[in-house]
Amino acid sequence: MSVALAPHARTYRRETEFFRATYYVAMREIRNLIRTPAAFIPSFFIPLFFFFVQSGSLQRLAERSGQVTDYKAFVLPVAILFSVSNEGAGFNMVTDIERGYFDKLMLCPANRLAVLIGTVGANFAGVLFRSLIVTAIALATGLHFATGIAGILPMVFLASLWGLVFAGIAMAVAIKTANAQAVQGSIVFLFPLLFLTTSFAPREAMTGWLKVAVGYNPITYILEGMRSFSAYGFDATRIAKGVLAVLIMAPITMGLSIAALRGRLK
């Protein structure tokens, strides 16, 4: 004889199943990442290359201007954003679609949203790890953190939240097209956002249309929030604006992923 569950018991059961499915999807993605280090090692090259070339070529000029006191600390957040903005989550999703694993997941009774959140959660762990490595190498070169060691984790955490935002774009393209080349092309969204910002100089040093564009770019506020830890010293207003920029963009990019998933299931 079956016994009907109370409404609160059914809700608890659904929530438990949702978190369990999210956990298992995330752990699978993390295991795949660990098993194939060649897939994420190249993501260290571009940010470190940018950091060393940029600081080596412009450090004296920037510091002599009087607007930047520690150019390495100024450039580090840009290098970290290069590291966390990658198409890894999208490539993994394309691989699962090509192998038929994604279709098998969709046939399971688990919540479909758990698949997206689990993949994004694993990507968050990956970008957090990469950010810490890039930061550690930068510190080894003599970089001085304005807020001390205590400011490293908050800065890296803010950057990793942006990594989740960008992962939503890559995953949306992956689910919609199931094409690795299309996912790779999603990087075109990144370069305008990163270069039309305070990547090379503070906003006060800019003029004309560039200064206007920088003011409308959400990554400007993420960078300035990160620099509150690395270069400027703790500034609650800048940090709050950086967090707000992430909170505004995250629902947009993740909404694109959810819409792509719904379209694929039709």
Foldseek 3Di string as FASTA:
>chain_A
DDDDDDPVVVVVVLVVLLVVLLQVLLVVLLVVCVVCVVVQVVLLVVLLVCLCVQCVPCVVVQCVVVQFPGVSLLQLLLSLLSSLQDLVLLVVLLVCVVVVVLVVVVPDPHDPVSNVNSSLVNSLVVSLVSSVVSVVVSVVVPADWQQPPVLSNVLSNLSSLVSSLNNLQLLLQCLQPSDPVSSRVSCVVVPVLSVLECNNHDLVPDDDPSSVSRVVRLVNLSSQLSSCGGGVDPDPVSVVSSVVSSVVRNCVSNVSNVVSNVVNVD
